[in-house]
Amino acid sequence: MKKLLTQASVAAASLATATAALASDSADTGVTEMNAGPGTFFLLLGGVALLGVVLFLMLKFMNRKK
């Protein structure tokens, strides 16, 4: 069970990193200069929603009776 939770945590962290990397055009643009179009917004929104689902499932598995 702990292996599944570890894999889910790693997957969620990887998804958040990949979403952040896709959100900007290059790594050296700076904080104030970000092309925030509709695609970027929906990618970030989808990442947040998926992270919420992963956290919900992790809590469900951790809090169930044995």
PDB file of N, CA and C in Angstrom:
ATOM      1  N   MET A   1       0.827  -1.191   0.000  1.00  0.00           N
ATOM      2  CA  MET A   1       0.000   0.000   0.000  1.00  0.00           C
ATOM      3  C   MET A   1       0.869   1.251   0.000  1.00  0.00           C
ATOM      4  N   LYS A   2       1.969   1.202   0.783  1.00  0.00           N
ATOM      5  CA  LYS A   2       2.837   2.380   0.837  1.00  0.00           C
ATOM      6  C   LYS A   2       3.520   2.622  -0.505  1.00  0.00           C
ATOM      7  N   LYS A   3       3.761   1.538  -1.253  1.00  0.00           N
ATOM      8  CA  LYS A   3       4.387   1.692  -2.560  1.00  0.00           C
ATOM      9  C   LYS A   3       3.447   2.451  -3.500  1.00  0.00           C
ATOM     10  N   LEU A   4       2.155   2.151  -3.434  1.00  0.00           N
ATOM     11  CA  LEU A   4       1.171   2.844  -4.263  1.00  0.00           C
ATOM     12  C   LEU A   4       1.117   4.322  -3.900  1.00  0.00           C
ATOM     13  N   LEU A   5       1.130   4.622  -2.613  1.00  0.00           N
ATOM     14  CA  LEU A   5       1.085   6.018  -2.179  1.00  0.00           C
ATOM     15  C   LEU A   5       2.352   6.758  -2.588  1.00  0.00           C
ATOM     16  N   THR A   6       3.482   6.087  -2.510  1.00  0.00           N
ATOM     17  CA  THR A   6       4.738   6.705  -2.932  1.00  0.00           C
ATOM     18  C   THR A   6       4.716   6.987  -4.425  1.00  0.00           C
ATOM     19  N   GLN A   7       4.230   6.033  -5.202  1.00  0.00           N
ATOM     20  CA  GLN A   7       4.153   6.233  -6.649  1.00  0.00           C
ATOM     21  C   GLN A   7       3.184   7.358  -6.995  1.00  0.00           C
ATOM     22  N   ALA A   8       2.070   7.448  -6.276  1.00  0.00           N
ATOM     23  CA  ALA A   8       1.110   8.517  -6.529  1.00  0.00           C
ATOM     24  C   ALA A   8       1.707   9.877  -6.176  1.00  0.00           C
ATOM     25  N   SER A   9       2.464   9.940  -5.099  1.00  0.00           N
ATOM     26  CA  SER A   9       3.105  11.195  -4.722  1.00  0.00           C
ATOM     27  C   SER A   9       4.141  11.618  -5.749  1.00  0.00           C
ATOM     28  N   VAL A  10       4.935  10.671  -6.218  1.00  0.00           N
ATOM     29  CA  VAL A  10       5.948  10.980  -7.227  1.00  0.00           C
ATOM     30  C   VAL A  10       5.275  11.415  -8.528  1.00  0.00           C
ATOM     31  N   ALA A  11       4.189  10.764  -8.892  1.00  0.00           N
ATOM     32  CA  ALA A  11       3.477  11.136 -10.113  1.00  0.00           C
ATOM     33  C   ALA A  11       2.894  12.535 -10.001  1.00  0.00           C
ATOM     34  N   ALA A  12       2.334  12.876  -8.847  1.00  0.00           N
ATOM     35  CA  ALA A  12       1.767  14.206  -8.658  1.00  0.00           C
ATOM     36  C   ALA A  12       2.847  15.280  -8.706  1.00  0.00           C
ATOM     37  N   ALA A  13       3.993  15.007  -8.094  1.00  0.00           N
ATOM     38  CA  ALA A  13       5.098  15.969  -8.128  1.00  0.00           C
ATOM     39  C   ALA A  13       5.637  16.130  -9.547  1.00  0.00           C
ATOM     40  N   SER A  14       5.730  15.029 -10.277  1.00  0.00           N
ATOM     41  CA  SER A  14       6.207  15.092 -11.662  1.00  0.00           C
ATOM     42  C   SER A  14       5.239  15.873 -12.531  1.00  0.00           C
ATOM     43  N   LEU A  15       3.955  15.669 -12.327  1.00  0.00           N
ATOM     44  CA  LEU A  15       2.959  16.396 -13.098  1.00  0.00           C
ATOM     45  C   LEU A  15       3.017  17.886 -12.806  1.00  0.00           C
ATOM     46  N   ALA A  16       3.180  18.248 -11.549  1.00  0.00           N
ATOM     47  CA  ALA A  16       3.276  19.665 -11.191  1.00  0.00           C
ATOM     48  C   ALA A  16       4.517  20.291 -11.817  1.00  0.00           C
ATOM     49  N   THR A  17       5.633  19.576 -11.825  1.00  0.00           N
ATOM     50  CA  THR A  17       6.859  20.086 -12.429  1.00  0.00           C
ATOM     51  C   THR A  17       6.705  20.238 -13.937  1.00  0.00           C
ATOM     52  N   ALA A  18       6.102  19.244 -14.570  1.00  0.00           N
ATOM     53  CA  ALA A  18       5.906  19.307 -16.017  1.00  0.00           C
ATOM     54  C   ALA A  18       4.952  20.427 -16.396  1.00  0.00           C
ATOM     55  N   THR A  19       3.902  20.636 -15.614  1.00  0.00           N
ATOM     56  CA  THR A  19       2.953  21.707 -15.885  1.00  0.00           C
ATOM     57  C   THR A  19       3.625  23.063 -15.749  1.00  0.00           C
ATOM     58  N   ALA A  20       4.449  23.221 -14.736  1.00  0.00           N
ATOM     59  CA  ALA A  20       5.168  24.478 -14.561  1.00  0.00           C
ATOM     60  C   ALA A  20       6.151  24.709 -15.703  1.00  0.00           C
ATOM     61  N   ALA A  21       6.785  23.648 -16.187  1.00  0.00           N
ATOM     62  CA  ALA A  21       7.721  23.789 -17.297  1.00  0.00           C
ATOM     63  C   ALA A  21       6.995  24.153 -18.590  1.00  0.00           C
ATOM     64  N   LEU A  22       5.819  23.606 -18.790  1.00  0.00           N
ATOM     65  CA  LEU A  22       5.049  23.931 -19.996  1.00  0.00           C
ATOM     66  C   LEU A  22       4.419  25.317 -19.928  1.00  0.00           C
ATOM     67  N   ALA A  23       4.242  25.840 -18.733  1.00  0.00           N
ATOM     68  CA  ALA A  23       3.549  27.114 -18.576  1.00  0.00           C
ATOM     69  C   ALA A  23       4.364  28.283 -19.101  1.00  0.00           C
ATOM     70  N   SER A  24       5.676  28.185 -19.097  1.00  0.00           N
ATOM     71  CA  SER A  24       6.500  29.287 -19.592  1.00  0.00           C
ATOM     72  C   SER A  24       7.196  28.878 -20.878  1.00  0.00           C
ATOM     73  N   ASP A  25       7.519  29.864 -21.690  1.00  0.00           N
ATOM     74  CA  ASP A  25       8.165  29.584 -22.971  1.00  0.00           C
ATOM     75  C   ASP A  25       9.602  29.120 -22.789  1.00  0.00           C
ATOM     76  N   SER A  26      10.337  29.732 -21.871  1.00  0.00           N
ATOM     77  CA  SER A  26      11.701  29.303 -21.610  1.00  0.00           C
ATOM     78  C   SER A  26      11.978  29.415 -20.118  1.00  0.00           C
ATOM     79  N   ALA A  27      13.056  28.776 -19.689  1.00  0.00           N
ATOM     80  CA  ALA A  27      13.344  28.720 -18.260  1.00  0.00           C
ATOM     81  C   ALA A  27      13.898  30.029 -17.720  1.00  0.00           C
ATOM     82  N   ASP A  28      14.400  30.915 -18.579  1.00  0.00           N
ATOM     83  CA  ASP A  28      15.062  32.120 -18.084  1.00  0.00           C
ATOM     84  C   ASP A  28      14.268  33.403 -18.319  1.00  0.00           C
ATOM     85  N   THR A  29      12.951  33.317 -18.488  1.00  0.00           N
ATOM     86  CA  THR A  29      12.177  34.521 -18.796  1.00  0.00           C
ATOM     87  C   THR A  29      11.963  35.404 -17.578  1.00  0.00           C
ATOM     88  N   GLY A  30      11.952  34.866 -16.380  1.00  0.00           N
ATOM     89  CA  GLY A  30      11.704  35.682 -15.197  1.00  0.00           C
ATOM     90  C   GLY A  30      10.273  35.547 -14.720  1.00  0.00           C
ATOM     91  N   VAL A  31      10.039  36.033 -13.536  1.00  0.00           N
ATOM     92  CA  VAL A  31       8.732  35.850 -12.909  1.00  0.00           C
ATOM     93  C   VAL A  31       7.685  36.762 -13.523  1.00  0.00           C
ATOM     94  N   THR A  32       8.047  37.965 -13.894  1.00  0.00           N
ATOM     95  CA  THR A  32       7.051  38.938 -14.346  1.00  0.00           C
ATOM     96  C   THR A  32       6.653  38.754 -15.801  1.00  0.00           C
ATOM     97  N   GLU A  33       7.391  37.944 -16.555  1.00  0.00           N
ATOM     98  CA  GLU A  33       7.124  37.818 -17.972  1.00  0.00           C
ATOM     99  C   GLU A  33       6.681  36.397 -18.297  1.00  0.00           C
ATOM    100  N   MET A  34       5.368  36.184 -18.336  1.00  0.00           N
ATOM    101  CA  MET A  34       4.845  34.853 -18.601  1.00  0.00           C
ATOM    102  C   MET A  34       3.694  34.960 -19.584  1.00  0.00           C
ATOM    103  N   ASN A  35       3.763  34.211 -20.675  1.00  0.00           N
ATOM    104  CA  ASN A  35       2.675  34.196 -21.641  1.00  0.00           C
ATOM    105  C   ASN A  35       1.525  33.376 -21.076  1.00  0.00           C
ATOM    106  N   ALA A  36       0.560  34.039 -20.506  1.00  0.00           N
ATOM    107  CA  ALA A  36      -0.552  33.341 -19.874  1.00  0.00           C
ATOM    108  C   ALA A  36      -1.757  33.405 -20.801  1.00  0.00           C
ATOM    109  N   GLY A  37      -1.789  32.516 -21.763  1.00  0.00           N
ATOM    110  CA  GLY A  37      -2.930  32.414 -22.664  1.00  0.00           C
ATOM    111  C   GLY A  37      -3.941  31.431 -22.110  1.00  0.00           C
ATOM    112  N   PRO A  38      -5.005  31.200 -22.852  1.00  0.00           N
ATOM    113  CA  PRO A  38      -6.026  30.249 -22.388  1.00  0.00           C
ATOM    114  C   PRO A  38      -5.484  28.831 -22.217  1.00  0.00           C
ATOM    115  N   GLY A  39      -4.580  28.401 -23.110  1.00  0.00           N
ATOM    116  CA  GLY A  39      -4.021  27.055 -22.995  1.00  0.00           C
ATOM    117  C   GLY A  39      -3.227  26.889 -21.714  1.00  0.00           C
ATOM    118  N   THR A  40      -2.434  27.891 -21.379  1.00  0.00           N
ATOM    119  CA  THR A  40      -1.655  27.846 -20.140  1.00  0.00           C
ATOM    120  C   THR A  40      -2.568  27.808 -18.931  1.00  0.00           C
ATOM    121  N   PHE A  41      -3.593  28.626 -18.960  1.00  0.00           N
ATOM    122  CA  PHE A  41      -4.540  28.667 -17.843  1.00  0.00           C
ATOM    123  C   PHE A  41      -5.199  27.311 -17.635  1.00  0.00           C
ATOM    124  N   PHE A  42      -5.652  26.693 -18.726  1.00  0.00           N
ATOM    125  CA  PHE A  42      -6.334  25.406 -18.585  1.00  0.00           C
ATOM    126  C   PHE A  42      -5.372  24.279 -18.203  1.00  0.00           C
ATOM    127  N   LEU A  43      -4.102  24.371 -18.639  1.00  0.00           N
ATOM    128  CA  LEU A  43      -3.110  23.394 -18.188  1.00  0.00           C
ATOM    129  C   LEU A  43      -2.895  23.492 -16.678  1.00  0.00           C
ATOM    130  N   LEU A  44      -2.748  24.704 -16.188  1.00  0.00           N
ATOM    131  CA  LEU A  44      -2.566  24.891 -14.750  1.00  0.00           C
ATOM    132  C   LEU A  44      -3.804  24.460 -13.970  1.00  0.00           C
ATOM    133  N   LEU A  45      -4.973  24.808 -14.478  1.00  0.00           N
ATOM    134  CA  LEU A  45      -6.225  24.424 -13.817  1.00  0.00           C
ATOM    135  C   LEU A  45      -6.381  22.903 -13.793  1.00  0.00           C
ATOM    136  N   GLY A  46      -6.040  22.242 -14.886  1.00  0.00           N
ATOM    137  CA  GLY A  46      -6.110  20.786 -14.931  1.00  0.00           C
ATOM    138  C   GLY A  46      -5.108  20.141 -13.982  1.00  0.00           C
ATOM    139  N   GLY A  47      -3.918  20.723 -13.882  1.00  0.00           N
ATOM    140  CA  GLY A  47      -2.921  20.207 -12.955  1.00  0.00           C
ATOM    141  C   GLY A  47      -3.366  20.319 -11.513  1.00  0.00           C
ATOM    142  N   VAL A  48      -3.975  21.456 -11.178  1.00  0.00           N
ATOM    143  CA  VAL A  48      -4.476  21.644  -9.807  1.00  0.00           C
ATOM    144  C   VAL A  48      -5.609  20.662  -9.521  1.00  0.00           C
ATOM    145  N   ALA A  49      -6.516  20.476 -10.482  1.00  0.00           N
ATOM    146  CA  ALA A  49      -7.623  19.544 -10.291  1.00  0.00           C
ATOM    147  C   ALA A  49      -7.118  18.116 -10.133  1.00  0.00           C
ATOM    148  N   LEU A  50      -6.144  17.718 -10.955  1.00  0.00           N
ATOM    149  CA  LEU A  50      -5.592  16.369 -10.859  1.00  0.00           C
ATOM    150  C   LEU A  50      -4.862  16.170  -9.532  1.00  0.00           C
ATOM    151  N   LEU A  51      -4.157  17.185  -9.078  1.00  0.00           N
ATOM    152  CA  LEU A  51      -3.478  17.089  -7.793  1.00  0.00           C
ATOM    153  C   LEU A  51      -4.497  16.925  -6.663  1.00  0.00           C
ATOM    154  N   GLY A  52      -5.629  17.620  -6.759  1.00  0.00           N
ATOM    155  CA  GLY A  52      -6.683  17.452  -5.763  1.00  0.00           C
ATOM    156  C   GLY A  52      -7.235  16.041  -5.750  1.00  0.00           C
ATOM    157  N   VAL A  53      -7.418  15.458  -6.927  1.00  0.00           N
ATOM    158  CA  VAL A  53      -7.923  14.084  -7.009  1.00  0.00           C
ATOM    159  C   VAL A  53      -6.912  13.110  -6.410  1.00  0.00           C
ATOM    160  N   VAL A  54      -5.631  13.317  -6.706  1.00  0.00           N
ATOM    161  CA  VAL A  54      -4.590  12.429  -6.164  1.00  0.00           C
ATOM    162  C   VAL A  54      -4.557  12.534  -4.646  1.00  0.00           C
ATOM    163  N   LEU A  55      -4.617  13.740  -4.117  1.00  0.00           N
ATOM    164  CA  LEU A  55      -4.613  13.910  -2.662  1.00  0.00           C
ATOM    165  C   LEU A  55      -5.847  13.279  -2.023  1.00  0.00           C
ATOM    166  N   PHE A  56      -7.005  13.432  -2.667  1.00  0.00           N
ATOM    167  CA  PHE A  56      -8.240  12.830  -2.155  1.00  0.00           C
ATOM    168  C   PHE A  56      -8.117  11.311  -2.101  1.00  0.00           C
ATOM    169  N   LEU A  57      -7.585  10.711  -3.184  1.00  0.00           N
ATOM    170  CA  LEU A  57      -7.433   9.256  -3.208  1.00  0.00           C
ATOM    171  C   LEU A  57      -6.412   8.789  -2.175  1.00  0.00           C
ATOM    172  N   MET A  58      -5.346   9.547  -1.998  1.00  0.00           N
ATOM    173  CA  MET A  58      -4.359   9.173  -0.987  1.00  0.00           C
ATOM    174  C   MET A  58      -4.983   9.199   0.405  1.00  0.00           C
ATOM    175  N   LEU A  59      -5.767  10.210   0.694  1.00  0.00           N
ATOM    176  CA  LEU A  59      -6.416  10.281   2.002  1.00  0.00           C
ATOM    177  C   LEU A  59      -7.427   9.159   2.182  1.00  0.00           C
ATOM    178  N   LYS A  60      -8.137   8.800   1.121  1.00  0.00           N
ATOM    179  CA  LYS A  60      -9.092   7.695   1.192  1.00  0.00           C
ATOM    180  C   LYS A  60      -8.382   6.389   1.544  1.00  0.00           C
ATOM    181  N   PHE A  61      -7.252   6.109   0.882  1.00  0.00           N
ATOM    182  CA  PHE A  61      -6.516   4.879   1.145  1.00  0.00           C
ATOM    183  C   PHE A  61      -5.894   4.887   2.536  1.00  0.00           C
ATOM    184  N   MET A  62      -5.421   6.031   2.981  1.00  0.00           N
ATOM    185  CA  MET A  62      -4.728   6.080   4.277  1.00  0.00           C
ATOM    186  C   MET A  62      -5.713   6.009   5.455  1.00  0.00           C
ATOM    187  N   ASN A  63      -6.924   6.474   5.273  1.00  0.00           N
ATOM    188  CA  ASN A  63      -7.872   6.549   6.383  1.00  0.00           C
ATOM    189  C   ASN A  63      -8.847   5.379   6.439  1.00  0.00           C
ATOM    190  N   ARG A  64      -8.699   4.393   5.577  1.00  0.00           N
ATOM    191  CA  ARG A  64      -9.656   3.288   5.612  1.00  0.00           C
ATOM    192  C   ARG A  64      -9.318   2.325   6.739  1.00  0.00           C
ATOM    193  N   LYS A  65     -10.337   1.609   7.202  1.00  0.00           N
ATOM    194  CA  LYS A  65     -10.165   0.636   8.283  1.00  0.00           C
ATOM    195  C   LYS A  65      -9.413  -0.577   7.774  1.00  0.00           C
ATOM    196  N   LYS A  66      -8.619  -1.165   8.642  1.00  0.00           N
ATOM    197  CA  LYS A  66      -7.824  -2.343   8.226  1.00  0.00           C
ATOM    198  C   LYS A  66      -8.502  -3.620   8.668  1.00  0.00           C
TER     199      LYS A  66
END
